[in-house]
C-alpha atoms as a PDB file:
ATOM      1  CA  UNK A   1     129.106 135.028  58.021  1.00  0.00           C
ATOM      2  CA  UNK A   2     126.628 132.300  57.014  1.00  0.00           C
ATOM      3  CA  UNK A   3     129.237 130.860  54.636  1.00  0.00           C
ATOM      4  CA  UNK A   4     131.866 130.733  57.417  1.00  0.00           C
ATOM      5  CA  UNK A   5     129.376 129.120  59.803  1.00  0.00           C
ATOM      6  CA  UNK A   6     128.523 126.538  57.165  1.00  0.00           C
ATOM      7  CA  UNK A   7     132.190 125.674  56.679  1.00  0.00           C
ATOM      8  CA  UNK A   8     132.759 125.457  60.424  1.00  0.00           C
ATOM      9  CA  UNK A   9     129.764 123.151  60.792  1.00  0.00           C
ATOM     10  CA  UNK A  10     130.925 120.942  57.907  1.00  0.00           C
ATOM     11  CA  UNK A  11     134.427 120.708  59.395  1.00  0.00           C
ATOM     12  CA  UNK A  12     133.094 119.893  62.861  1.00  0.00           C
ATOM     13  CA  UNK A  13     130.780 117.228  61.450  1.00  0.00           C
ATOM     14  CA  UNK A  14     133.695 115.653  59.560  1.00  0.00           C
ATOM     15  CA  UNK A  15     135.902 115.707  62.670  1.00  0.00           C
ATOM     16  CA  UNK A  16     133.103 114.171  64.733  1.00  0.00           C
ATOM     17  CA  UNK A  17     132.644 111.453  62.097  1.00  0.00           C
ATOM     18  CA  UNK A  18     136.351 110.619  62.252  1.00  0.00           C
ATOM     19  CA  UNK A  19     136.297 110.426  66.042  1.00  0.00           C
ATOM     20  CA  UNK A  20     133.131 108.321  66.039  1.00  0.00           C
ATOM     21  CA  UNK A  21     134.643 105.904  63.503  1.00  0.00           C
ATOM     22  CA  UNK A  22     137.740 105.376  65.644  1.00  0.00           C
ATOM     23  CA  UNK A  23     135.660 104.940  68.814  1.00  0.00           C
ATOM     24  CA  UNK A  24     133.240 102.589  67.056  1.00  0.00           C
ATOM     25  CA  UNK A  25     136.100 100.468  65.734  1.00  0.00           C
ATOM     26  CA  UNK A  26     137.572 100.296  69.235  1.00  0.00           C
ATOM     27  CA  UNK A  27     134.239  99.041  70.599  1.00  0.00           C
ATOM     28  CA  UNK A  28     134.019  96.448  67.842  1.00  0.00           C
ATOM     29  CA  UNK A  29     137.555  95.200  68.483  1.00  0.00           C
ATOM     30  CA  UNK A  30     136.802  94.930  72.213  1.00  0.00           C
ATOM     31  CA  UNK A  31     133.517  93.104  71.619  1.00  0.00           C
ATOM     32  CA  UNK A  32     131.489  95.923  73.198  1.00  0.00           C
ATOM     33  CA  UNK A  33     129.197  96.776  70.299  1.00  0.00           C
ATOM     34  CA  UNK A  34     125.656  95.598  71.031  1.00  0.00           C
ATOM     35  CA  UNK A  35     122.380  95.837  69.149  1.00  0.00           C
ATOM     36  CA  UNK A  36     119.239  97.472  70.519  1.00  0.00           C
ATOM     37  CA  UNK A  37     116.408  96.029  68.380  1.00  0.00           C
ATOM     38  CA  UNK A  38     113.061  97.820  68.468  1.00  0.00           C
ATOM     39  CA  UNK A  39     109.916  97.613  66.274  1.00  0.00           C
ATOM     40  CA  UNK A  40     110.946  99.468  63.127  1.00  0.00           C
ATOM     41  CA  UNK A  41     109.639 100.237  59.661  1.00  0.00           C
ATOM     42  CA  UNK A  42     112.647  99.543  57.443  1.00  0.00           C
ATOM     43  CA  UNK A  43     110.951 101.094  54.402  1.00  0.00           C
ATOM     44  CA  UNK A  44     110.559 104.320  56.365  1.00  0.00           C
ATOM     45  CA  UNK A  45     114.214 104.084  57.434  1.00  0.00           C
ATOM     46  CA  UNK A  46     115.284 103.947  53.789  1.00  0.00           C
ATOM     47  CA  UNK A  47     112.964 106.835  52.923  1.00  0.00           C
ATOM     48  CA  UNK A  48     114.577 108.981  55.617  1.00  0.00           C
ATOM     49  CA  UNK A  49     118.088 108.193  54.369  1.00  0.00           C
ATOM     50  CA  UNK A  50     116.943 108.883  50.785  1.00  0.00           C
ATOM     51  CA  UNK A  51     115.733 112.329  51.826  1.00  0.00           C
ATOM     52  CA  UNK A  52     118.996 112.960  53.679  1.00  0.00           C
ATOM     53  CA  UNK A  53     121.080 112.528  50.508  1.00  0.00           C
ATOM     54  CA  UNK A  54     118.692 113.790  47.817  1.00  0.00           C
ATOM     55  CA  UNK A  55     119.904 117.403  47.799  1.00  0.00           C
ATOM     56  CA  UNK A  56     123.589 116.405  47.721  1.00  0.00           C
ATOM     57  CA  UNK A  57     122.962 113.961  44.870  1.00  0.00           C
ATOM     58  CA  UNK A  58     121.060 116.565  42.865  1.00  0.00           C
ATOM     59  CA  UNK A  59     123.731 119.212  43.454  1.00  0.00           C
ATOM     60  CA  UNK A  60     126.437 116.849  42.199  1.00  0.00           C
ATOM     61  CA  UNK A  61     124.331 115.882  39.188  1.00  0.00           C
ATOM     62  CA  UNK A  62     123.780 112.239  40.124  1.00  0.00           C
ATOM     63  CA  UNK A  63     120.694 110.182  39.344  1.00  0.00           C
ATOM     64  CA  UNK A  64     119.570 108.869  42.735  1.00  0.00           C
ATOM     65  CA  UNK A  65     116.935 106.169  43.213  1.00  0.00           C
ATOM     66  CA  UNK A  66     115.686 104.322  46.286  1.00  0.00           C
ATOM     67  CA  UNK A  67     113.374 101.411  45.471  1.00  0.00           C
ATOM     68  CA  UNK A  68     111.488  99.562  48.234  1.00  0.00           C
ATOM     69  CA  UNK A  69     108.617  98.323  46.062  1.00  0.00           C
ATOM     70  CA  UNK A  70     109.711  94.715  46.598  1.00  0.00           C
ATOM     71  CA  UNK A  71     108.952  94.803  50.350  1.00  0.00           C
ATOM     72  CA  UNK A  72     105.692  93.305  51.624  1.00  0.00           C
ATOM     73  CA  UNK A  73     106.545  93.187  55.348  1.00  0.00           C
ATOM     74  CA  UNK A  74     108.201  96.484  56.394  1.00  0.00           C
ATOM     75  CA  UNK A  75     107.718  96.118  60.176  1.00  0.00           C
ATOM     76  CA  UNK A  76     110.541  94.195  61.857  1.00  0.00           C
ATOM     77  CA  UNK A  77     112.583  94.102  65.053  1.00  0.00           C
ATOM     78  CA  UNK A  78     115.928  95.716  64.305  1.00  0.00           C
ATOM     79  CA  UNK A  79     118.385  98.289  65.581  1.00  0.00           C
ATOM     80  CA  UNK A  80     117.455 101.230  63.341  1.00  0.00           C
ATOM     81  CA  UNK A  81     120.426 103.310  64.475  1.00  0.00           C
ATOM     82  CA  UNK A  82     122.856 100.602  63.373  1.00  0.00           C
ATOM     83  CA  UNK A  83     120.885  99.977  60.175  1.00  0.00           C
ATOM     84  CA  UNK A  84     121.045 103.689  59.410  1.00  0.00           C
ATOM     85  CA  UNK A  85     124.806 103.615  60.011  1.00  0.00           C
ATOM     86  CA  UNK A  86     125.142 100.853  57.405  1.00  0.00           C
ATOM     87  CA  UNK A  87     123.044 102.823  54.908  1.00  0.00           C
ATOM     88  CA  UNK A  88     124.915 106.060  55.551  1.00  0.00           C
ATOM     89  CA  UNK A  89     128.298 104.387  55.062  1.00  0.00           C
ATOM     90  CA  UNK A  90     127.321 102.679  51.828  1.00  0.00           C
ATOM     91  CA  UNK A  91     125.430 105.583  50.256  1.00  0.00           C
ATOM     92  CA  UNK A  92     127.981 108.219  51.250  1.00  0.00           C
ATOM     93  CA  UNK A  93     130.749 106.099  49.683  1.00  0.00           C
ATOM     94  CA  UNK A  94     128.712 105.702  46.499  1.00  0.00           C
ATOM     95  CA  UNK A  95     128.186 109.458  46.447  1.00  0.00           C
ATOM     96  CA  UNK A  96     131.881 110.260  46.992  1.00  0.00           C
ATOM     97  CA  UNK A  97     133.219 107.837  44.361  1.00  0.00           C
ATOM     98  CA  UNK A  98     130.665 108.499  41.598  1.00  0.00           C
ATOM     99  CA  UNK A  99     131.423 111.394  39.210  1.00  0.00           C
ATOM    100  CA  UNK A 100     128.887 113.893  37.886  1.00  0.00           C
ATOM    101  CA  UNK A 101     126.422 112.335  35.477  1.00  0.00           C
ATOM    102  CA  UNK A 102     126.546 108.945  37.180  1.00  0.00           C
ATOM    103  CA  UNK A 103     123.937 107.176  39.264  1.00  0.00           C
ATOM    104  CA  UNK A 104     123.412 105.726  42.728  1.00  0.00           C
ATOM    105  CA  UNK A 105     120.670 103.148  43.174  1.00  0.00           C
ATOM    106  CA  UNK A 106     119.511 101.702  46.495  1.00  0.00           C
ATOM    107  CA  UNK A 107     117.206  98.678  46.393  1.00  0.00           C
ATOM    108  CA  UNK A 108     115.543  96.810  49.240  1.00  0.00           C
ATOM    109  CA  UNK A 109     113.700  93.641  48.291  1.00  0.00           C
ATOM    110  CA  UNK A 110     112.102  90.897  50.325  1.00  0.00           C
ATOM    111  CA  UNK A 111     113.617  87.500  49.578  1.00  0.00           C
ATOM    112  CA  UNK A 112     111.586  85.321  51.913  1.00  0.00           C
ATOM    113  CA  UNK A 113     109.111  85.372  54.785  1.00  0.00           C
ATOM    114  CA  UNK A 114     108.413  82.909  57.592  1.00  0.00           C
ATOM    115  CA  UNK A 115     106.503  83.105  60.852  1.00  0.00           C
ATOM    116  CA  UNK A 116     109.615  84.029  62.861  1.00  0.00           C
ATOM    117  CA  UNK A 117     111.722  85.955  60.318  1.00  0.00           C
ATOM    118  CA  UNK A 118     111.637  88.003  57.133  1.00  0.00           C
ATOM    119  CA  UNK A 119     114.624  87.964  54.766  1.00  0.00           C
ATOM    120  CA  UNK A 120     115.798  90.957  52.753  1.00  0.00           C
ATOM    121  CA  UNK A 121     118.448  91.898  50.246  1.00  0.00           C
ATOM    122  CA  UNK A 122     119.757  95.465  50.372  1.00  0.00           C
ATOM    123  CA  UNK A 123     121.784  96.591  47.365  1.00  0.00           C
ATOM    124  CA  UNK A 124     123.644  99.874  46.970  1.00  0.00           C
ATOM    125  CA  UNK A 125     124.886 100.199  43.389  1.00  0.00           C
ATOM    126  CA  UNK A 126     126.829 103.037  41.764  1.00  0.00           C
ATOM    127  CA  UNK A 127     128.421 103.811  38.409  1.00  0.00           C
ATOM    128  CA  UNK A 128     131.559 105.238  39.973  1.00  0.00           C
ATOM    129  CA  UNK A 129     135.250 104.460  39.657  1.00  0.00           C
ATOM    130  CA  UNK A 130     134.960 100.881  40.883  1.00  0.00           C
ATOM    131  CA  UNK A 131     137.795  98.959  42.529  1.00  0.00           C
ATOM    132  CA  UNK A 132     140.787  96.946  41.502  1.00  0.00           C
ATOM    133  CA  UNK A 133     140.528  93.208  42.267  1.00  0.00           C
ATOM    134  CA  UNK A 134     143.355  93.593  44.805  1.00  0.00           C
ATOM    135  CA  UNK A 135     141.553  96.334  46.735  1.00  0.00           C
ATOM    136  CA  UNK A 136     138.127  94.643  46.481  1.00  0.00           C
ATOM    137  CA  UNK A 137     139.614  91.684  48.347  1.00  0.00           C
ATOM    138  CA  UNK A 138     140.495  93.962  51.291  1.00  0.00           C
ATOM    139  CA  UNK A 139     137.669  96.524  51.164  1.00  0.00           C
ATOM    140  CA  UNK A 140     136.193  95.314  54.467  1.00  0.00           C
ATOM    141  CA  UNK A 141     139.542  95.470  56.306  1.00  0.00           C
ATOM    142  CA  UNK A 142     140.087  98.304  58.775  1.00  0.00           C
ATOM    143  CA  UNK A 143     142.036 101.299  57.396  1.00  0.00           C
ATOM    144  CA  UNK A 144     141.916  99.886  53.874  1.00  0.00           C
ATOM    145  CA  UNK A 145     141.969 102.647  51.220  1.00  0.00           C
ATOM    146  CA  UNK A 146     142.280 102.450  47.410  1.00  0.00           C
ATOM    147  CA  UNK A 147     145.198 104.501  46.051  1.00  0.00           C
ATOM    148  CA  UNK A 148     142.840 106.182  43.583  1.00  0.00           C
ATOM    149  CA  UNK A 149     140.846 107.526  46.587  1.00  0.00           C
ATOM    150  CA  UNK A 150     143.570 110.038  47.456  1.00  0.00           C
ATOM    151  CA  UNK A 151     142.032 113.422  48.220  1.00  0.00           C
ATOM    152  CA  UNK A 152     138.629 111.935  49.157  1.00  0.00           C
ATOM    153  CA  UNK A 153     137.841 112.274  52.853  1.00  0.00           C
ATOM    154  CA  UNK A 154     137.595 109.111  54.920  1.00  0.00           C
ATOM    155  CA  UNK A 155     139.225 107.020  57.635  1.00  0.00           C
ATOM    156  CA  UNK A 156     139.248 103.662  55.884  1.00  0.00           C
ATOM    157  CA  UNK A 157     137.031 102.347  58.697  1.00  0.00           C
ATOM    158  CA  UNK A 158     133.554 102.717  57.211  1.00  0.00           C
ATOM    159  CA  UNK A 159     133.396  99.380  55.411  1.00  0.00           C
ATOM    160  CA  UNK A 160     134.953  97.498  58.335  1.00  0.00           C
ATOM    161  CA  UNK A 161     132.328  98.975  60.662  1.00  0.00           C
ATOM    162  CA  UNK A 162     129.576  98.217  58.143  1.00  0.00           C
ATOM    163  CA  UNK A 163     130.627  94.563  57.854  1.00  0.00           C
ATOM    164  CA  UNK A 164     130.792  94.208  61.644  1.00  0.00           C
ATOM    165  CA  UNK A 165     127.272  95.635  62.072  1.00  0.00           C
ATOM    166  CA  UNK A 166     125.851  93.413  59.321  1.00  0.00           C
ATOM    167  CA  UNK A 167     127.443  90.311  60.847  1.00  0.00           C
ATOM    168  CA  UNK A 168     126.220  91.305  64.323  1.00  0.00           C
ATOM    169  CA  UNK A 169     122.728  91.391  62.790  1.00  0.00           C
ATOM    170  CA  UNK A 170     123.298  87.850  61.508  1.00  0.00           C
ATOM    171  CA  UNK A 171     123.673  88.939  57.893  1.00  0.00           C
ATOM    172  CA  UNK A 172     126.313  88.839  55.169  1.00  0.00           C
ATOM    173  CA  UNK A 173     127.768  91.531  52.906  1.00  0.00           C
ATOM    174  CA  UNK A 174     129.730  91.222  49.669  1.00  0.00           C
ATOM    175  CA  UNK A 175     130.880  93.497  46.871  1.00  0.00           C
ATOM    176  CA  UNK A 176     130.656  93.191  43.108  1.00  0.00           C
ATOM    177  CA  UNK A 177     132.920  95.663  41.325  1.00  0.00           C
ATOM    178  CA  UNK A 178     134.955  96.387  38.256  1.00  0.00           C
ATOM    179  CA  UNK A 179     137.507  99.150  38.002  1.00  0.00           C
ATOM    180  CA  UNK A 180     136.044 102.004  35.979  1.00  0.00           C
ATOM    181  CA  UNK A 181     132.580 100.420  35.902  1.00  0.00           C
ATOM    182  CA  UNK A 182     131.156 100.979  39.397  1.00  0.00           C
ATOM    183  CA  UNK A 183     130.437  98.874  42.451  1.00  0.00           C
ATOM    184  CA  UNK A 184     127.525  97.119  44.115  1.00  0.00           C
ATOM    185  CA  UNK A 185     127.370  96.192  47.792  1.00  0.00           C
ATOM    186  CA  UNK A 186     124.865  93.430  48.532  1.00  0.00           C
ATOM    187  CA  UNK A 187     123.598  92.665  52.034  1.00  0.00           C
ATOM    188  CA  UNK A 188     121.485  89.632  52.904  1.00  0.00           C
ATOM    189  CA  UNK A 189     119.866  89.811  56.340  1.00  0.00           C
ATOM    190  CA  UNK A 190     116.786  88.550  58.197  1.00  0.00           C
ATOM    191  CA  UNK A 191     114.823  90.191  61.013  1.00  0.00           C
ATOM    192  CA  UNK A 192     111.983  88.963  63.247  1.00  0.00           C
ATOM    193  CA  UNK A 193     108.635  90.447  62.182  1.00  0.00           C
ATOM    194  CA  UNK A 194     107.072  93.112  64.400  1.00  0.00           C
ATOM    195  CA  UNK A 195     103.560  94.390  64.975  1.00  0.00           C
ATOM    196  CA  UNK A 196     102.386  97.578  63.328  1.00  0.00           C
ATOM    197  CA  UNK A 197     102.321 100.420  65.879  1.00  0.00           C
ATOM    198  CA  UNK A 198      99.009 101.932  66.844  1.00  0.00           C
ATOM    199  CA  UNK A 199      98.082 105.096  64.981  1.00  0.00           C
ATOM    200  CA  UNK A 200      98.333 108.161  67.231  1.00  0.00           C
ATOM    201  CA  UNK A 201      95.015 109.739  68.142  1.00  0.00           C
ATOM    202  CA  UNK A 202      94.136 112.726  66.004  1.00  0.00           C
ATOM    203  CA  UNK A 203      94.610 116.043  67.756  1.00  0.00           C
ATOM    204  CA  UNK A 204      91.439 117.937  68.503  1.00  0.00           C
ATOM    205  CA  UNK A 205      93.067 121.141  67.389  1.00  0.00           C
ATOM    206  CA  UNK A 206      94.909 120.418  64.133  1.00  0.00           C
ATOM    207  CA  UNK A 207      96.515 123.835  63.979  1.00  0.00           C
ATOM    208  CA  UNK A 208      97.950 123.481  67.480  1.00  0.00           C
ATOM    209  CA  UNK A 209      99.327 120.012  66.683  1.00  0.00           C
ATOM    210  CA  UNK A 210     101.028 121.325  63.541  1.00  0.00           C
ATOM    211  CA  UNK A 211     102.684 124.143  65.461  1.00  0.00           C
ATOM    212  CA  UNK A 212     104.115 121.779  68.081  1.00  0.00           C
ATOM    213  CA  UNK A 213     104.335 122.212  71.849  1.00  0.00           C
ATOM    214  CA  UNK A 214     104.385 125.631  73.472  1.00  0.00           C
ATOM    215  CA  UNK A 215     107.497 126.097  75.630  1.00  0.00           C
ATOM    216  CA  UNK A 216     106.863 129.777  76.330  1.00  0.00           C
ATOM    217  CA  UNK A 217     107.968 130.783  79.823  1.00  0.00           C
ATOM    218  CA  UNK A 218     109.275 127.363  80.865  1.00  0.00           C
ATOM    219  CA  UNK A 219     112.529 127.764  82.789  1.00  0.00           C
ATOM    220  CA  UNK A 220     115.525 125.487  82.302  1.00  0.00           C
ATOM    221  CA  UNK A 221     118.886 125.243  83.994  1.00  0.00           C
ATOM    222  CA  UNK A 222     121.644 124.639  81.455  1.00  0.00           C
ATOM    223  CA  UNK A 223     124.864 123.169  82.917  1.00  0.00           C
ATOM    224  CA  UNK A 224     127.593 123.559  80.283  1.00  0.00           C
ATOM    225  CA  UNK A 225     131.242 124.509  80.831  1.00  0.00           C
ATOM    226  CA  UNK A 226     132.019 125.432  77.193  1.00  0.00           C
ATOM    227  CA  UNK A 227     131.129 129.076  76.580  1.00  0.00           C
ATOM    228  CA  UNK A 228     130.412 128.660  72.848  1.00  0.00           C
ATOM    229  CA  UNK A 229     128.252 125.572  73.407  1.00  0.00           C
ATOM    230  CA  UNK A 230     126.437 127.432  76.176  1.00  0.00           C
ATOM    231  CA  UNK A 231     125.707 130.409  73.928  1.00  0.00           C
ATOM    232  CA  UNK A 232     124.504 128.256  71.016  1.00  0.00           C
ATOM    233  CA  UNK A 233     122.211 126.163  73.230  1.00  0.00           C
ATOM    234  CA  UNK A 234     120.860 129.299  74.892  1.00  0.00           C
ATOM    235  CA  UNK A 235     120.019 130.879  71.527  1.00  0.00           C
ATOM    236  CA  UNK A 236     118.241 127.718  70.345  1.00  0.00           C
ATOM    237  CA  UNK A 237     116.253 127.277  73.544  1.00  0.00           C
ATOM    238  CA  UNK A 238     115.301 130.939  73.945  1.00  0.00           C
ATOM    239  CA  UNK A 239     114.111 130.954  70.319  1.00  0.00           C
ATOM    240  CA  UNK A 240     111.781 128.090  71.295  1.00  0.00           C
ATOM    241  CA  UNK A 241     110.374 130.151  74.177  1.00  0.00           C
ATOM    242  CA  UNK A 242     112.350 128.806  77.133  1.00  0.00           C
ATOM    243  CA  UNK A 243     113.792 131.022  79.853  1.00  0.00           C
ATOM    244  CA  UNK A 244     117.396 130.000  80.594  1.00  0.00           C
ATOM    245  CA  UNK A 245     119.571 130.016  83.673  1.00  0.00           C
ATOM    246  CA  UNK A 246     123.095 128.634  83.300  1.00  0.00           C
ATOM    247  CA  UNK A 247     125.803 126.906  85.322  1.00  0.00           C
ATOM    248  CA  UNK A 248     129.423 126.464  84.261  1.00  0.00           C
ATOM    249  CA  UNK A 249     130.079 123.182  86.078  1.00  0.00           C
ATOM    250  CA  UNK A 250     128.260 120.369  87.848  1.00  0.00           C
ATOM    251  CA  UNK A 251     128.813 121.753  91.341  1.00  0.00           C
ATOM    252  CA  UNK A 252     127.267 125.100  90.385  1.00  0.00           C
ATOM    253  CA  UNK A 253     124.280 123.253  88.886  1.00  0.00           C
ATOM    254  CA  UNK A 254     123.743 121.277  92.110  1.00  0.00           C
ATOM    255  CA  UNK A 255     123.968 124.475  94.191  1.00  0.00           C
ATOM    256  CA  UNK A 256     121.447 126.285  91.979  1.00  0.00           C
ATOM    257  CA  UNK A 257     118.940 123.439  92.125  1.00  0.00           C
ATOM    258  CA  UNK A 258     119.401 123.096  95.903  1.00  0.00           C
ATOM    259  CA  UNK A 259     118.807 126.841  96.383  1.00  0.00           C
ATOM    260  CA  UNK A 260     115.716 126.903  94.153  1.00  0.00           C
ATOM    261  CA  UNK A 261     112.089 126.284  95.032  1.00  0.00           C
ATOM    262  CA  UNK A 262     110.141 123.410  93.460  1.00  0.00           C
ATOM    263  CA  UNK A 263     108.871 124.629  90.105  1.00  0.00           C
ATOM    264  CA  UNK A 264     111.544 127.308  89.622  1.00  0.00           C
ATOM    265  CA  UNK A 265     113.154 125.036  87.018  1.00  0.00           C
ATOM    266  CA  UNK A 266     111.153 122.673  84.825  1.00  0.00           C
ATOM    267  CA  UNK A 267     114.261 120.657  83.906  1.00  0.00           C
ATOM    268  CA  UNK A 268     118.060 120.608  83.911  1.00  0.00           C
ATOM    269  CA  UNK A 269     120.096 120.162  80.727  1.00  0.00           C
ATOM    270  CA  UNK A 270     123.316 118.580  81.964  1.00  0.00           C
ATOM    271  CA  UNK A 271     126.595 118.321  80.090  1.00  0.00           C
ATOM    272  CA  UNK A 272     128.534 115.218  81.130  1.00  0.00           C
ATOM    273  CA  UNK A 273     132.175 116.273  80.916  1.00  0.00           C
ATOM    274  CA  UNK A 274     132.606 119.334  83.164  1.00  0.00           C
ATOM    275  CA  UNK A 275     135.210 120.545  85.654  1.00  0.00           C
ATOM    276  CA  UNK A 276     134.777 120.538  89.451  1.00  0.00           C
ATOM    277  CA  UNK A 277     131.938 117.991  89.226  1.00  0.00           C
ATOM    278  CA  UNK A 278     130.920 116.085  86.095  1.00  0.00           C
ATOM    279  CA  UNK A 279     127.341 115.611  84.938  1.00  0.00           C
ATOM    280  CA  UNK A 280     126.945 112.114  86.365  1.00  0.00           C
ATOM    281  CA  UNK A 281     128.139 113.191  89.806  1.00  0.00           C
ATOM    282  CA  UNK A 282     125.977 116.309  89.697  1.00  0.00           C
ATOM    283  CA  UNK A 283     122.911 114.263  88.800  1.00  0.00           C
ATOM    284  CA  UNK A 284     123.508 111.840  91.668  1.00  0.00           C
ATOM    285  CA  UNK A 285     123.942 114.810  94.052  1.00  0.00           C
ATOM    286  CA  UNK A 286     120.654 116.356  92.907  1.00  0.00           C
ATOM    287  CA  UNK A 287     118.858 113.030  93.279  1.00  0.00           C
ATOM    288  CA  UNK A 288     120.165 112.865  96.877  1.00  0.00           C
ATOM    289  CA  UNK A 289     118.722 116.253  97.924  1.00  0.00           C
ATOM    290  CA  UNK A 290     116.456 116.184 101.002  1.00  0.00           C
ATOM    291  CA  UNK A 291     113.611 117.981  99.203  1.00  0.00           C
ATOM    292  CA  UNK A 292     111.903 115.232  97.190  1.00  0.00           C
ATOM    293  CA  UNK A 293     110.424 117.699  94.696  1.00  0.00           C
ATOM    294  CA  UNK A 294     113.838 119.174  93.914  1.00  0.00           C
ATOM    295  CA  UNK A 295     115.483 115.743  93.875  1.00  0.00           C
ATOM    296  CA  UNK A 296     112.960 114.570  91.289  1.00  0.00           C
ATOM    297  CA  UNK A 297     113.504 117.368  88.766  1.00  0.00           C
ATOM    298  CA  UNK A 298     113.867 116.051  85.176  1.00  0.00           C
ATOM    299  CA  UNK A 299     117.553 115.938  84.166  1.00  0.00           C
ATOM    300  CA  UNK A 300     118.562 115.472  80.544  1.00  0.00           C
ATOM    301  CA  UNK A 301     122.085 114.636  79.426  1.00  0.00           C
ATOM    302  CA  UNK A 302     123.341 116.883  76.635  1.00  0.00           C
ATOM    303  CA  UNK A 303     126.629 115.404  75.479  1.00  0.00           C
ATOM    304  CA  UNK A 304     128.754 114.187  72.580  1.00  0.00           C
ATOM    305  CA  UNK A 305     128.911 110.796  74.327  1.00  0.00           C
ATOM    306  CA  UNK A 306     126.199 109.237  72.190  1.00  0.00           C
ATOM    307  CA  UNK A 307     126.835 105.488  72.078  1.00  0.00           C
ATOM    308  CA  UNK A 308     124.399 103.000  73.597  1.00  0.00           C
ATOM    309  CA  UNK A 309     126.575 102.515  76.677  1.00  0.00           C
ATOM    310  CA  UNK A 310     126.768 106.293  77.171  1.00  0.00           C
ATOM    311  CA  UNK A 311     122.985 106.566  77.072  1.00  0.00           C
ATOM    312  CA  UNK A 312     122.767 103.719  79.591  1.00  0.00           C
ATOM    313  CA  UNK A 313     125.354 105.435  81.811  1.00  0.00           C
ATOM    314  CA  UNK A 314     123.170 108.548  81.834  1.00  0.00           C
ATOM    315  CA  UNK A 315     120.172 106.457  82.880  1.00  0.00           C
ATOM    316  CA  UNK A 316     122.197 104.716  85.574  1.00  0.00           C
ATOM    317  CA  UNK A 317     123.202 108.106  86.987  1.00  0.00           C
ATOM    318  CA  UNK A 318     119.526 109.058  87.295  1.00  0.00           C
ATOM    319  CA  UNK A 319     119.032 111.107  84.134  1.00  0.00           C
ATOM    320  CA  UNK A 320     115.663 111.102  82.367  1.00  0.00           C
ATOM    321  CA  UNK A 321     116.770 111.625  78.785  1.00  0.00           C
ATOM    322  CA  UNK A 322     119.682 112.102  76.392  1.00  0.00           C
ATOM    323  CA  UNK A 323     120.370 114.742  73.726  1.00  0.00           C
ATOM    324  CA  UNK A 324     123.399 114.139  71.503  1.00  0.00           C
ATOM    325  CA  UNK A 325     125.862 116.778  70.371  1.00  0.00           C
ATOM    326  CA  UNK A 326     126.143 118.274  67.812  1.00  0.00           C
ATOM    327  CA  UNK A 327     122.602 119.309  68.637  1.00  0.00           C
ATOM    328  CA  UNK A 328     119.830 118.202  66.309  1.00  0.00           C
ATOM    329  CA  UNK A 329     117.273 120.912  67.088  1.00  0.00           C
ATOM    330  CA  UNK A 330     114.289 118.784  66.085  1.00  0.00           C
ATOM    331  CA  UNK A 331     115.350 115.868  68.275  1.00  0.00           C
ATOM    332  CA  UNK A 332     116.129 118.222  71.142  1.00  0.00           C
ATOM    333  CA  UNK A 333     112.645 119.724  71.021  1.00  0.00           C
ATOM    334  CA  UNK A 334     111.081 116.270  70.712  1.00  0.00           C
ATOM    335  CA  UNK A 335     112.990 115.038  73.777  1.00  0.00           C
ATOM    336  CA  UNK A 336     112.016 118.120  75.803  1.00  0.00           C
ATOM    337  CA  UNK A 337     108.379 117.793  74.736  1.00  0.00           C
ATOM    338  CA  UNK A 338     108.293 114.117  75.811  1.00  0.00           C
ATOM    339  CA  UNK A 339     109.859 114.814  79.213  1.00  0.00           C
ATOM    340  CA  UNK A 340     107.991 118.029  79.997  1.00  0.00           C
ATOM    341  CA  UNK A 341     104.547 116.893  78.846  1.00  0.00           C
END
């Protein structure tokens, strides 16, 4: 059963990646992709991506190195989600096109620093199959695929999306490659420096901090029309200690909140795409209830619509937070902890 579930999850993740690539390319072509720069530690971002791929690299028998020793100023203003997308595209391609026994090396080095910007070079180098000169000239074109890549999953959009993100950040990207001798993608980009964040205060009870928040007995209303999604979310949330009530559409969710007493539900997890009444409409209806306490209940979007404009649409509808599908349990718990604190 675990093996089947693993295959189902892998297939769903691949399908979601394909859909996201097509949607992302559509946004790029329509000029709707925007950056959301925040104070970020780019060394930490690379460390997180390194950890994400380390097991896969080891399983395939690849030597995998991430070197950030050449960075003196790690704190900058940048869109970490978009930066991560660039890293994921480049490293996953290196992984896919490098045979067992090869290597993938990621290097981030600082190439200059001024009062208003810090310059970096990011290099992702592999010892894989490399590219023909003809394909290398079109590698950043949408839907471009090398003939020798037959049988390797992909949409042919990853490099086009990567180039668009890099250029939106004000940077440049180029490739150095030789067929049969590997490839290196080199990105030159500059970001404004940012202040180091304040260290969080140490918890008085270290054991309690390590265990995380206690959700025992907190009651949530889950509005989700898909039976399988509803069951999975219920299992995850009940395992964390929550007590769950469910609704199968937005109208039912509004009715249940309206019929409740303040404090019966600590929050509502609201799917966006539902029959009868969608999540946005349901949220607006709850916010319009006469009872101010009920109208002010925390509402969190739980949806596969995970682009920046989707998150903003949830905020505009009156939602307090956003949890993307497929569900990342850690991020879900973090979001709930922040909203229910």
